[in-house]
């Protein structure tokens, strides 16, 4: 899977207004929810994403011993799980379920590396 070419004009998401970044985060959360309930997405990708979310859940973290460097590992686990889930779903399913604007979708494509 190749990363799409970055356009000359890359849409700005989250300039000076913190609500822009919060909005993008909200759209990604809605996307994850929608992909998790979509029957076209393979169950293994859903299991990986669910496991990553459980891994960073505060209640589970109290049960597991804290590892050095967990502050770096936890976001990485979530990013890899998100990329796997979106890649397994495919461009058409992701485009169909995306609730955000086009700028956010371009960033999602670039960050997850799915082909357009």
PDB file of N, CA and C in Angstrom:
ATOM      1  N   UNK A   1       0.844  -1.154   0.000  1.00  0.00           N
ATOM      2  CA  UNK A   1       0.000   0.000   0.000  1.00  0.00           C
ATOM      3  C   UNK A   1       0.901   1.231   0.000  1.00  0.00           C
ATOM      4  N   UNK A   2       0.688   2.101  -0.950  1.00  0.00           N
ATOM      5  CA  UNK A   2       1.522   3.287  -1.048  1.00  0.00           C
ATOM      6  C   UNK A   2       0.789   4.498  -0.485  1.00  0.00           C
ATOM      7  N   UNK A   3       1.587   5.442  -0.020  1.00  0.00           N
ATOM      8  CA  UNK A   3       1.033   6.675   0.526  1.00  0.00           C
ATOM      9  C   UNK A   3       0.677   7.586  -0.636  1.00  0.00           C
ATOM     10  N   UNK A   4      -0.518   8.179  -0.630  1.00  0.00           N
ATOM     11  CA  UNK A   4      -0.883   9.073  -1.721  1.00  0.00           C
ATOM     12  C   UNK A   4       0.040  10.280  -1.750  1.00  0.00           C
ATOM     13  N   UNK A   5       0.230  10.833  -2.949  1.00  0.00           N
ATOM     14  CA  UNK A   5       1.071  12.007  -3.083  1.00  0.00           C
ATOM     15  C   UNK A   5       0.447  13.169  -2.323  1.00  0.00           C
ATOM     16  N   UNK A   6       1.304  13.935  -1.674  1.00  0.00           N
ATOM     17  CA  UNK A   6       0.833  15.093  -0.930  1.00  0.00           C
ATOM     18  C   UNK A   6       0.589  16.217  -1.925  1.00  0.00           C
ATOM     19  N   UNK A   7      -0.615  16.772  -1.943  1.00  0.00           N
ATOM     20  CA  UNK A   7      -0.904  17.839  -2.899  1.00  0.00           C
ATOM     21  C   UNK A   7      -0.077  19.087  -2.593  1.00  0.00           C
ATOM     22  N   UNK A   8       0.112  19.919  -3.645  1.00  0.00           N
ATOM     23  CA  UNK A   8       0.869  21.149  -3.452  1.00  0.00           C
ATOM     24  C   UNK A   8       0.226  21.993  -2.364  1.00  0.00           C
ATOM     25  N   UNK A   9      -1.082  22.108  -2.402  1.00  0.00           N
ATOM     26  CA  UNK A   9      -1.788  22.833  -1.354  1.00  0.00           C
ATOM     27  C   UNK A   9      -2.369  21.800  -0.409  1.00  0.00           C
ATOM     28  N   UNK A  10      -1.741  21.674   0.733  1.00  0.00           N
ATOM     29  CA  UNK A  10      -2.222  20.732   1.729  1.00  0.00           C
ATOM     30  C   UNK A  10      -3.226  21.449   2.616  1.00  0.00           C
ATOM     31  N   UNK A  11      -4.454  20.944   2.707  1.00  0.00           N
ATOM     32  CA  UNK A  11      -5.461  21.638   3.517  1.00  0.00           C
ATOM     33  C   UNK A  11      -5.005  21.771   4.961  1.00  0.00           C
ATOM     34  N   UNK A  12      -5.281  22.917   5.534  1.00  0.00           N
ATOM     35  CA  UNK A  12      -4.931  23.144   6.930  1.00  0.00           C
ATOM     36  C   UNK A  12      -6.046  22.645   7.824  1.00  0.00           C
ATOM     37  N   UNK A  13      -5.631  21.906   8.828  1.00  0.00           N
ATOM     38  CA  UNK A  13      -6.567  21.435   9.833  1.00  0.00           C
ATOM     39  C   UNK A  13      -6.018  21.876  11.178  1.00  0.00           C
ATOM     40  N   UNK A  14      -6.809  22.624  11.907  1.00  0.00           N
ATOM     41  CA  UNK A  14      -6.409  23.004  13.255  1.00  0.00           C
ATOM     42  C   UNK A  14      -5.428  24.138  13.314  1.00  0.00           C
ATOM     43  N   UNK A  15      -5.590  25.156  12.524  1.00  0.00           N
ATOM     44  CA  UNK A  15      -4.698  26.309  12.548  1.00  0.00           C
ATOM     45  C   UNK A  15      -4.568  26.893  13.940  1.00  0.00           C
ATOM     46  N   UNK A  16      -5.133  28.069  14.162  1.00  0.00           N
ATOM     47  CA  UNK A  16      -5.046  28.721  15.461  1.00  0.00           C
ATOM     48  C   UNK A  16      -6.203  28.349  16.371  1.00  0.00           C
ATOM     49  N   UNK A  17      -7.226  27.776  15.821  1.00  0.00           N
ATOM     50  CA  UNK A  17      -8.422  27.465  16.592  1.00  0.00           C
ATOM     51  C   UNK A  17      -8.361  26.027  17.114  1.00  0.00           C
ATOM     52  N   UNK A  18      -8.238  25.844  18.437  1.00  0.00           N
ATOM     53  CA  UNK A  18      -8.159  24.485  18.988  1.00  0.00           C
ATOM     54  C   UNK A  18      -9.391  23.643  18.688  1.00  0.00           C
ATOM     55  N   UNK A  19     -10.528  24.278  18.419  1.00  0.00           N
ATOM     56  CA  UNK A  19     -11.729  23.492  18.136  1.00  0.00           C
ATOM     57  C   UNK A  19     -11.620  22.759  16.804  1.00  0.00           C
ATOM     58  N   UNK A  20     -10.761  23.257  15.882  1.00  0.00           N
ATOM     59  CA  UNK A  20     -10.547  22.551  14.614  1.00  0.00           C
ATOM     60  C   UNK A  20      -9.917  21.179  14.850  1.00  0.00           C
ATOM     61  N   UNK A  21      -8.892  21.131  15.700  1.00  0.00           N
ATOM     62  CA  UNK A  21      -8.238  19.859  16.017  1.00  0.00           C
ATOM     63  C   UNK A  21      -9.198  18.965  16.787  1.00  0.00           C
ATOM     64  N   UNK A  22      -9.950  19.547  17.706  1.00  0.00           N
ATOM     65  CA  UNK A  22     -10.928  18.760  18.460  1.00  0.00           C
ATOM     66  C   UNK A  22     -11.988  18.192  17.528  1.00  0.00           C
ATOM     67  N   UNK A  23     -12.386  18.984  16.529  1.00  0.00           N
ATOM     68  CA  UNK A  23     -13.364  18.501  15.557  1.00  0.00           C
ATOM     69  C   UNK A  23     -12.827  17.342  14.748  1.00  0.00           C
ATOM     70  N   UNK A  24     -11.568  17.434  14.323  1.00  0.00           N
ATOM     71  CA  UNK A  24     -10.945  16.339  13.571  1.00  0.00           C
ATOM     72  C   UNK A  24     -10.872  15.088  14.435  1.00  0.00           C
ATOM     73  N   UNK A  25     -10.494  15.250  15.693  1.00  0.00           N
ATOM     74  CA  UNK A  25     -10.430  14.109  16.608  1.00  0.00           C
ATOM     75  C   UNK A  25     -11.812  13.483  16.765  1.00  0.00           C
ATOM     76  N   UNK A  26     -12.827  14.320  16.875  1.00  0.00           N
ATOM     77  CA  UNK A  26     -14.186  13.798  16.990  1.00  0.00           C
ATOM     78  C   UNK A  26     -14.611  13.023  15.758  1.00  0.00           C
ATOM     79  N   UNK A  27     -14.231  13.524  14.581  1.00  0.00           N
ATOM     80  CA  UNK A  27     -14.575  12.823  13.344  1.00  0.00           C
ATOM     81  C   UNK A  27     -13.845  11.482  13.248  1.00  0.00           C
ATOM     82  N   UNK A  28     -12.610  11.432  13.723  1.00  0.00           N
ATOM     83  CA  UNK A  28     -11.868  10.170  13.720  1.00  0.00           C
ATOM     84  C   UNK A  28     -12.529   9.180  14.683  1.00  0.00           C
ATOM     85  N   UNK A  29     -12.972   9.654  15.826  1.00  0.00           N
ATOM     86  CA  UNK A  29     -13.661   8.773  16.774  1.00  0.00           C
ATOM     87  C   UNK A  29     -14.962   8.241  16.170  1.00  0.00           C
ATOM     88  N   UNK A  30     -15.722   9.108  15.496  1.00  0.00           N
ATOM     89  CA  UNK A  30     -16.946   8.648  14.814  1.00  0.00           C
ATOM     90  C   UNK A  30     -16.605   7.636  13.731  1.00  0.00           C
ATOM     91  N   UNK A  31     -15.508   7.873  13.007  1.00  0.00           N
ATOM     92  CA  UNK A  31     -15.094   6.940  11.965  1.00  0.00           C
ATOM     93  C   UNK A  31     -14.779   5.575  12.569  1.00  0.00           C
ATOM     94  N   UNK A  32     -14.042   5.562  13.667  1.00  0.00           N
ATOM     95  CA  UNK A  32     -13.715   4.294  14.330  1.00  0.00           C
ATOM     96  C   UNK A  32     -14.984   3.567  14.768  1.00  0.00           C
ATOM     97  N   UNK A  33     -15.916   4.316  15.327  1.00  0.00           N
ATOM     98  CA  UNK A  33     -17.179   3.709  15.760  1.00  0.00           C
ATOM     99  C   UNK A  33     -17.935   3.120  14.578  1.00  0.00           C
ATOM    100  N   UNK A  34     -17.993   3.889  13.494  1.00  0.00           N
ATOM    101  CA  UNK A  34     -18.724   3.419  12.315  1.00  0.00           C
ATOM    102  C   UNK A  34     -18.040   2.217  11.664  1.00  0.00           C
ATOM    103  N   UNK A  35     -16.707   2.246  11.600  1.00  0.00           N
ATOM    104  CA  UNK A  35     -15.994   1.108  11.004  1.00  0.00           C
ATOM    105  C   UNK A  35     -16.122  -0.131  11.869  1.00  0.00           C
ATOM    106  N   UNK A  36     -16.158   0.049  13.184  1.00  0.00           N
ATOM    107  CA  UNK A  36     -16.295  -1.101  14.083  1.00  0.00           C
ATOM    108  C   UNK A  36     -17.647  -1.773  13.936  1.00  0.00           C
ATOM    109  N   UNK A  37     -18.656  -1.036  13.508  1.00  0.00           N
ATOM    110  CA  UNK A  37     -19.983  -1.632  13.355  1.00  0.00           C
ATOM    111  C   UNK A  37     -20.315  -1.985  11.898  1.00  0.00           C
ATOM    112  N   UNK A  38     -19.389  -1.713  10.983  1.00  0.00           N
ATOM    113  CA  UNK A  38     -19.629  -1.989   9.563  1.00  0.00           C
ATOM    114  C   UNK A  38     -19.300  -3.447   9.245  1.00  0.00           C
ATOM    115  N   UNK A  39     -20.239  -4.192   8.667  1.00  0.00           N
ATOM    116  CA  UNK A  39     -19.992  -5.605   8.374  1.00  0.00           C
ATOM    117  C   UNK A  39     -18.971  -5.828   7.256  1.00  0.00           C
ATOM    118  N   UNK A  40     -18.632  -4.797   6.491  1.00  0.00           N
ATOM    119  CA  UNK A  40     -17.651  -4.945   5.408  1.00  0.00           C
ATOM    120  C   UNK A  40     -16.212  -4.933   5.905  1.00  0.00           C
ATOM    121  N   UNK A  41     -16.003  -4.529   7.155  1.00  0.00           N
ATOM    122  CA  UNK A  41     -14.658  -4.463   7.722  1.00  0.00           C
ATOM    123  C   UNK A  41     -14.341  -5.807   8.357  1.00  0.00           C
ATOM    124  N   UNK A  42     -13.160  -6.377   8.055  1.00  0.00           N
ATOM    125  CA  UNK A  42     -12.799  -7.686   8.620  1.00  0.00           C
ATOM    126  C   UNK A  42     -12.781  -7.661  10.154  1.00  0.00           C
ATOM    127  N   UNK A  43     -13.235  -8.737  10.739  1.00  0.00           N
ATOM    128  CA  UNK A  43     -13.326  -8.805  12.204  1.00  0.00           C
ATOM    129  C   UNK A  43     -11.963  -8.738  12.855  1.00  0.00           C
ATOM    130  N   UNK A  44     -10.912  -9.216  12.199  1.00  0.00           N
ATOM    131  CA  UNK A  44      -9.570  -9.155  12.797  1.00  0.00           C
ATOM    132  C   UNK A  44      -9.102  -7.721  12.969  1.00  0.00           C
ATOM    133  N   UNK A  45      -9.404  -6.874  12.007  1.00  0.00           N
ATOM    134  CA  UNK A  45      -9.044  -5.455  12.119  1.00  0.00           C
ATOM    135  C   UNK A  45      -9.822  -4.812  13.267  1.00  0.00           C
ATOM    136  N   UNK A  46     -11.071  -5.201  13.426  1.00  0.00           N
ATOM    137  CA  UNK A  46     -11.875  -4.681  14.532  1.00  0.00           C
ATOM    138  C   UNK A  46     -11.298  -5.142  15.872  1.00  0.00           C
ATOM    139  N   UNK A  47     -10.825  -6.392  15.925  1.00  0.00           N
ATOM    140  CA  UNK A  47     -10.251  -6.924  17.162  1.00  0.00           C
ATOM    141  C   UNK A  47      -8.960  -6.198  17.529  1.00  0.00           C
ATOM    142  N   UNK A  48      -8.124  -5.892  16.534  1.00  0.00           N
ATOM    143  CA  UNK A  48      -6.875  -5.158  16.788  1.00  0.00           C
ATOM    144  C   UNK A  48      -7.189  -3.773  17.336  1.00  0.00           C
ATOM    145  N   UNK A  49      -8.126  -3.080  16.710  1.00  0.00           N
ATOM    146  CA  UNK A  49      -8.502  -1.737  17.165  1.00  0.00           C
ATOM    147  C   UNK A  49      -9.115  -1.791  18.569  1.00  0.00           C
ATOM    148  N   UNK A  50      -9.970  -2.758  18.801  1.00  0.00           N
ATOM    149  CA  UNK A  50     -10.578  -2.900  20.127  1.00  0.00           C
ATOM    150  C   UNK A  50      -9.544  -3.213  21.197  1.00  0.00           C
ATOM    151  N   UNK A  51      -8.589  -4.057  20.865  1.00  0.00           N
ATOM    152  CA  UNK A  51      -7.518  -4.368  21.812  1.00  0.00           C
ATOM    153  C   UNK A  51      -6.671  -3.154  22.137  1.00  0.00           C
ATOM    154  N   UNK A  52      -6.403  -2.330  21.141  1.00  0.00           N
ATOM    155  CA  UNK A  52      -5.618  -1.112  21.371  1.00  0.00           C
ATOM    156  C   UNK A  52      -6.370  -0.140  22.263  1.00  0.00           C
ATOM    157  N   UNK A  53      -7.672  -0.016  22.023  1.00  0.00           N
ATOM    158  CA  UNK A  53      -8.473   0.882  22.856  1.00  0.00           C
ATOM    159  C   UNK A  53      -8.521   0.364  24.288  1.00  0.00           C
ATOM    160  N   UNK A  54      -8.677  -0.937  24.459  1.00  0.00           N
ATOM    161  CA  UNK A  54      -8.663  -1.507  25.814  1.00  0.00           C
ATOM    162  C   UNK A  54      -7.311  -1.318  26.481  1.00  0.00           C
ATOM    163  N   UNK A  55      -6.242  -1.403  25.704  1.00  0.00           N
ATOM    164  CA  UNK A  55      -4.895  -1.267  26.253  1.00  0.00           C
ATOM    165  C   UNK A  55      -4.677   0.103  26.880  1.00  0.00           C
ATOM    166  N   UNK A  56      -5.239   1.140  26.272  1.00  0.00           N
ATOM    167  CA  UNK A  56      -5.024   2.490  26.797  1.00  0.00           C
ATOM    168  C   UNK A  56      -6.137   2.952  27.732  1.00  0.00           C
ATOM    169  N   UNK A  57      -7.122   2.107  27.974  1.00  0.00           N
ATOM    170  CA  UNK A  57      -8.200   2.452  28.893  1.00  0.00           C
ATOM    171  C   UNK A  57      -7.634   2.556  30.309  1.00  0.00           C
ATOM    172  N   UNK A  58      -7.960   3.634  31.027  1.00  0.00           N
ATOM    173  CA  UNK A  58      -7.382   3.832  32.365  1.00  0.00           C
ATOM    174  C   UNK A  58      -7.636   2.676  33.328  1.00  0.00           C
ATOM    175  N   UNK A  59      -8.803   2.073  33.288  1.00  0.00           N
ATOM    176  CA  UNK A  59      -9.082   0.968  34.197  1.00  0.00           C
ATOM    177  C   UNK A  59      -8.165  -0.218  33.965  1.00  0.00           C
ATOM    178  N   UNK A  60      -7.896  -0.523  32.707  1.00  0.00           N
ATOM    179  CA  UNK A  60      -7.013  -1.641  32.401  1.00  0.00           C
ATOM    180  C   UNK A  60      -5.562  -1.308  32.728  1.00  0.00           C
ATOM    181  N   UNK A  61      -5.177  -0.048  32.551  1.00  0.00           N
ATOM    182  CA  UNK A  61      -3.809   0.350  32.850  1.00  0.00           C
ATOM    183  C   UNK A  61      -3.491   0.187  34.325  1.00  0.00           C
ATOM    184  N   UNK A  62      -4.490   0.335  35.192  1.00  0.00           N
ATOM    185  CA  UNK A  62      -4.240   0.137  36.619  1.00  0.00           C
ATOM    186  C   UNK A  62      -3.980  -1.325  36.930  1.00  0.00           C
ATOM    187  N   UNK A  63      -4.577  -2.213  36.143  1.00  0.00           N
ATOM    188  CA  UNK A  63      -4.373  -3.639  36.369  1.00  0.00           C
ATOM    189  C   UNK A  63      -3.023  -4.122  35.848  1.00  0.00           C
ATOM    190  N   UNK A  64      -2.566  -3.517  34.770  1.00  0.00           N
ATOM    191  CA  UNK A  64      -1.290  -3.912  34.187  1.00  0.00           C
ATOM    192  C   UNK A  64      -0.153  -3.120  34.819  1.00  0.00           C
ATOM    193  N   UNK A  65       1.017  -3.737  34.959  1.00  0.00           N
ATOM    194  CA  UNK A  65       2.139  -2.967  35.503  1.00  0.00           C
ATOM    195  C   UNK A  65       2.551  -1.862  34.530  1.00  0.00           C
ATOM    196  N   UNK A  66       2.870  -0.694  35.083  1.00  0.00           N
ATOM    197  CA  UNK A  66       3.280   0.438  34.250  1.00  0.00           C
ATOM    198  C   UNK A  66       4.683   0.186  33.723  1.00  0.00           C
ATOM    199  N   UNK A  67       4.835   0.315  32.419  1.00  0.00           N
ATOM    200  CA  UNK A  67       6.121   0.122  31.775  1.00  0.00           C
ATOM    201  C   UNK A  67       6.792   1.470  31.561  1.00  0.00           C
ATOM    202  N   UNK A  68       8.128   1.515  31.650  1.00  0.00           N
ATOM    203  CA  UNK A  68       8.811   2.776  31.334  1.00  0.00           C
ATOM    204  C   UNK A  68       8.556   3.128  29.866  1.00  0.00           C
ATOM    205  N   UNK A  69       8.313   4.373  29.604  1.00  0.00           N
ATOM    206  CA  UNK A  69       8.070   4.805  28.232  1.00  0.00           C
ATOM    207  C   UNK A  69       6.656   4.573  27.754  1.00  0.00           C
ATOM    208  N   UNK A  70       5.731   4.284  28.662  1.00  0.00           N
ATOM    209  CA  UNK A  70       4.346   4.016  28.268  1.00  0.00           C
ATOM    210  C   UNK A  70       3.698   5.236  27.636  1.00  0.00           C
ATOM    211  N   UNK A  71       4.156   6.427  28.012  1.00  0.00           N
ATOM    212  CA  UNK A  71       3.589   7.646  27.430  1.00  0.00           C
ATOM    213  C   UNK A  71       3.854   7.718  25.934  1.00  0.00           C
ATOM    214  N   UNK A  72       4.907   7.079  25.471  1.00  0.00           N
ATOM    215  CA  UNK A  72       5.226   7.042  24.041  1.00  0.00           C
ATOM    216  C   UNK A  72       4.574   5.838  23.380  1.00  0.00           C
ATOM    217  N   UNK A  73       4.524   4.726  24.080  1.00  0.00           N
ATOM    218  CA  UNK A  73       4.017   3.480  23.509  1.00  0.00           C
ATOM    219  C   UNK A  73       2.508   3.535  23.280  1.00  0.00           C
ATOM    220  N   UNK A  74       1.761   4.098  24.214  1.00  0.00           N
ATOM    221  CA  UNK A  74       0.311   4.091  24.114  1.00  0.00           C
ATOM    222  C   UNK A  74      -0.216   4.821  22.875  1.00  0.00           C
ATOM    223  N   UNK A  75       0.240   6.052  22.573  1.00  0.00           N
ATOM    224  CA  UNK A  75      -0.231   6.687  21.333  1.00  0.00           C
ATOM    225  C   UNK A  75       0.212   5.926  20.087  1.00  0.00           C
ATOM    226  N   UNK A  76       1.372   5.306  20.150  1.00  0.00           N
ATOM    227  CA  UNK A  76       1.854   4.516  19.014  1.00  0.00           C
ATOM    228  C   UNK A  76       0.963   3.304  18.786  1.00  0.00           C
ATOM    229  N   UNK A  77       0.548   2.656  19.850  1.00  0.00           N
ATOM    230  CA  UNK A  77      -0.355   1.503  19.740  1.00  0.00           C
ATOM    231  C   UNK A  77      -1.666   1.933  19.098  1.00  0.00           C
ATOM    232  N   UNK A  78      -2.205   3.067  19.535  1.00  0.00           N
ATOM    233  CA  UNK A  78      -3.450   3.567  18.954  1.00  0.00           C
ATOM    234  C   UNK A  78      -3.279   3.931  17.481  1.00  0.00           C
ATOM    235  N   UNK A  79      -2.162   4.566  17.139  1.00  0.00           N
ATOM    236  CA  UNK A  79      -1.929   4.972  15.743  1.00  0.00           C
ATOM    237  C   UNK A  79      -1.810   3.762  14.833  1.00  0.00           C
ATOM    238  N   UNK A  80      -1.090   2.742  15.269  1.00  0.00           N
ATOM    239  CA  UNK A  80      -0.932   1.533  14.452  1.00  0.00           C
ATOM    240  C   UNK A  80      -2.275   0.819  14.301  1.00  0.00           C
ATOM    241  N   UNK A  81      -3.055   0.758  15.365  1.00  0.00           N
ATOM    242  CA  UNK A  81      -4.370   0.108  15.298  1.00  0.00           C
ATOM    243  C   UNK A  81      -5.311   0.877  14.378  1.00  0.00           C
ATOM    244  N   UNK A  82      -5.293   2.208  14.453  1.00  0.00           N
ATOM    245  CA  UNK A  82      -6.124   3.023  13.566  1.00  0.00           C
ATOM    246  C   UNK A  82      -5.729   2.799  12.115  1.00  0.00           C
ATOM    247  N   UNK A  83      -4.442   2.812  11.847  1.00  0.00           N
ATOM    248  CA  UNK A  83      -3.962   2.615  10.472  1.00  0.00           C
ATOM    249  C   UNK A  83      -4.388   1.237   9.956  1.00  0.00           C
ATOM    250  N   UNK A  84      -4.270   0.219  10.797  1.00  0.00           N
ATOM    251  CA  UNK A  84      -4.649  -1.140  10.395  1.00  0.00           C
ATOM    252  C   UNK A  84      -6.151  -1.228  10.108  1.00  0.00           C
ATOM    253  N   UNK A  85      -6.957  -0.627  10.974  1.00  0.00           N
ATOM    254  CA  UNK A  85      -8.409  -0.674  10.791  1.00  0.00           C
ATOM    255  C   UNK A  85      -8.833   0.052   9.522  1.00  0.00           C
ATOM    256  N   UNK A  86      -8.290   1.245   9.295  1.00  0.00           N
ATOM    257  CA  UNK A  86      -8.659   2.025   8.112  1.00  0.00           C
ATOM    258  C   UNK A  86      -8.168   1.338   6.843  1.00  0.00           C
ATOM    259  N   UNK A  87      -6.954   0.792   6.876  1.00  0.00           N
ATOM    260  CA  UNK A  87      -6.431   0.093   5.701  1.00  0.00           C
ATOM    261  C   UNK A  87      -7.251  -1.160   5.395  1.00  0.00           C
ATOM    262  N   UNK A  88      -7.664  -1.881   6.427  1.00  0.00           N
ATOM    263  CA  UNK A  88      -8.465  -3.093   6.216  1.00  0.00           C
ATOM    264  C   UNK A  88      -9.844  -2.746   5.663  1.00  0.00           C
ATOM    265  N   UNK A  89     -10.380  -1.610   6.077  1.00  0.00           N
ATOM    266  CA  UNK A  89     -11.698  -1.195   5.586  1.00  0.00           C
ATOM    267  C   UNK A  89     -11.631  -0.810   4.114  1.00  0.00           C
ATOM    268  N   UNK A  90     -10.567  -0.134   3.713  1.00  0.00           N
ATOM    269  CA  UNK A  90     -10.432   0.282   2.323  1.00  0.00           C
ATOM    270  C   UNK A  90     -10.975   1.673   2.068  1.00  0.00           C
ATOM    271  N   UNK A  91     -10.542   2.246   0.975  1.00  0.00           N
ATOM    272  CA  UNK A  91     -10.872   3.631   0.642  1.00  0.00           C
ATOM    273  C   UNK A  91     -12.374   3.865   0.534  1.00  0.00           C
ATOM    274  N   UNK A  92     -13.072   3.013  -0.197  1.00  0.00           N
ATOM    275  CA  UNK A  92     -14.502   3.228  -0.439  1.00  0.00           C
ATOM    276  C   UNK A  92     -15.316   3.236   0.848  1.00  0.00           C
ATOM    277  N   UNK A  93     -15.042   2.291   1.729  1.00  0.00           N
ATOM    278  CA  UNK A  93     -15.793   2.205   2.985  1.00  0.00           C
ATOM    279  C   UNK A  93     -15.470   3.419   3.866  1.00  0.00           C
ATOM    280  N   UNK A  94     -14.183   3.796   3.917  1.00  0.00           N
ATOM    281  CA  UNK A  94     -13.786   4.936   4.743  1.00  0.00           C
ATOM    282  C   UNK A  94     -14.407   6.224   4.207  1.00  0.00           C
ATOM    283  N   UNK A  95     -14.373   6.413   2.890  1.00  0.00           N
ATOM    284  CA  UNK A  95     -14.954   7.611   2.282  1.00  0.00           C
ATOM    285  C   UNK A  95     -16.460   7.682   2.561  1.00  0.00           C
ATOM    286  N   UNK A  96     -17.105   6.544   2.492  1.00  0.00           N
ATOM    287  CA  UNK A  96     -18.548   6.482   2.717  1.00  0.00           C
ATOM    288  C   UNK A  96     -18.918   6.799   4.164  1.00  0.00           C
ATOM    289  N   UNK A  97     -18.076   6.408   5.110  1.00  0.00           N
ATOM    290  CA  UNK A  97     -18.409   6.596   6.527  1.00  0.00           C
ATOM    291  C   UNK A  97     -17.813   7.863   7.129  1.00  0.00           C
ATOM    292  N   UNK A  98     -16.925   8.562   6.416  1.00  0.00           N
ATOM    293  CA  UNK A  98     -16.293   9.774   6.950  1.00  0.00           C
ATOM    294  C   UNK A  98     -17.331  10.874   7.114  1.00  0.00           C
ATOM    295  N   UNK A  99     -17.386  11.481   8.296  1.00  0.00           N
ATOM    296  CA  UNK A  99     -18.369  12.522   8.592  1.00  0.00           C
ATOM    297  C   UNK A  99     -17.760  13.927   8.557  1.00  0.00           C
ATOM    298  N   UNK A 100     -16.460  14.013   8.461  1.00  0.00           N
ATOM    299  CA  UNK A 100     -15.789  15.312   8.507  1.00  0.00           C
ATOM    300  C   UNK A 100     -15.701  15.980   7.155  1.00  0.00           C
ATOM    301  N   UNK A 101     -14.916  17.048   7.113  1.00  0.00           N
ATOM    302  CA  UNK A 101     -14.747  17.797   5.869  1.00  0.00           C
ATOM    303  C   UNK A 101     -13.656  17.173   5.003  1.00  0.00           C
ATOM    304  N   UNK A 102     -13.487  17.723   3.806  1.00  0.00           N
ATOM    305  CA  UNK A 102     -12.507  17.182   2.864  1.00  0.00           C
ATOM    306  C   UNK A 102     -11.078  17.341   3.353  1.00  0.00           C
ATOM    307  N   UNK A 103     -10.788  18.448   4.044  1.00  0.00           N
ATOM    308  CA  UNK A 103      -9.427  18.664   4.557  1.00  0.00           C
ATOM    309  C   UNK A 103      -9.055  17.567   5.555  1.00  0.00           C
ATOM    310  N   UNK A 104      -9.955  17.248   6.440  1.00  0.00           N
ATOM    311  CA  UNK A 104      -9.701  16.185   7.402  1.00  0.00           C
ATOM    312  C   UNK A 104      -9.549  14.836   6.726  1.00  0.00           C
ATOM    313  N   UNK A 105     -10.318  14.601   5.676  1.00  0.00           N
ATOM    314  CA  UNK A 105     -10.222  13.331   4.960  1.00  0.00           C
ATOM    315  C   UNK A 105      -8.876  13.202   4.253  1.00  0.00           C
ATOM    316  N   UNK A 106      -8.379  14.313   3.684  1.00  0.00           N
ATOM    317  CA  UNK A 106      -7.055  14.283   3.049  1.00  0.00           C
ATOM    318  C   UNK A 106      -5.993  13.935   4.072  1.00  0.00           C
ATOM    319  N   UNK A 107      -6.070  14.559   5.238  1.00  0.00           N
ATOM    320  CA  UNK A 107      -5.109  14.238   6.292  1.00  0.00           C
ATOM    321  C   UNK A 107      -5.228  12.780   6.722  1.00  0.00           C
ATOM    322  N   UNK A 108      -6.428  12.264   6.829  1.00  0.00           N
ATOM    323  CA  UNK A 108      -6.623  10.856   7.187  1.00  0.00           C
ATOM    324  C   UNK A 108      -5.975   9.944   6.162  1.00  0.00           C
ATOM    325  N   UNK A 109      -6.143  10.251   4.867  1.00  0.00           N
ATOM    326  CA  UNK A 109      -5.527   9.454   3.808  1.00  0.00           C
ATOM    327  C   UNK A 109      -4.009   9.468   3.921  1.00  0.00           C
ATOM    328  N   UNK A 110      -3.464  10.634   4.158  1.00  0.00           N
ATOM    329  CA  UNK A 110      -2.004  10.751   4.242  1.00  0.00           C
ATOM    330  C   UNK A 110      -1.474   9.996   5.457  1.00  0.00           C
ATOM    331  N   UNK A 111      -2.103  10.180   6.598  1.00  0.00           N
ATOM    332  CA  UNK A 111      -1.608   9.563   7.827  1.00  0.00           C
ATOM    333  C   UNK A 111      -1.785   8.057   7.870  1.00  0.00           C
ATOM    334  N   UNK A 112      -2.832   7.561   7.253  1.00  0.00           N
ATOM    335  CA  UNK A 112      -3.065   6.122   7.276  1.00  0.00           C
ATOM    336  C   UNK A 112      -2.482   5.420   6.066  1.00  0.00           C
ATOM    337  N   UNK A 113      -2.194   6.164   5.000  1.00  0.00           N
ATOM    338  CA  UNK A 113      -1.554   5.573   3.844  1.00  0.00           C
ATOM    339  C   UNK A 113      -2.470   4.764   2.942  1.00  0.00           C
ATOM    340  N   UNK A 114      -3.771   5.001   2.983  1.00  0.00           N
ATOM    341  CA  UNK A 114      -4.644   4.257   2.078  1.00  0.00           C
ATOM    342  C   UNK A 114      -4.669   4.948   0.715  1.00  0.00           C
ATOM    343  N   UNK A 115      -4.775   4.140  -0.310  1.00  0.00           N
ATOM    344  CA  UNK A 115      -4.784   4.640  -1.682  1.00  0.00           C
ATOM    345  C   UNK A 115      -6.140   5.233  -2.015  1.00  0.00           C
ATOM    346  N   UNK A 116      -6.098   6.339  -2.726  1.00  0.00           N
ATOM    347  CA  UNK A 116      -7.335   6.980  -3.173  1.00  0.00           C
ATOM    348  C   UNK A 116      -7.818   6.366  -4.450  1.00  0.00           C
TER     349      UNK A 116
END
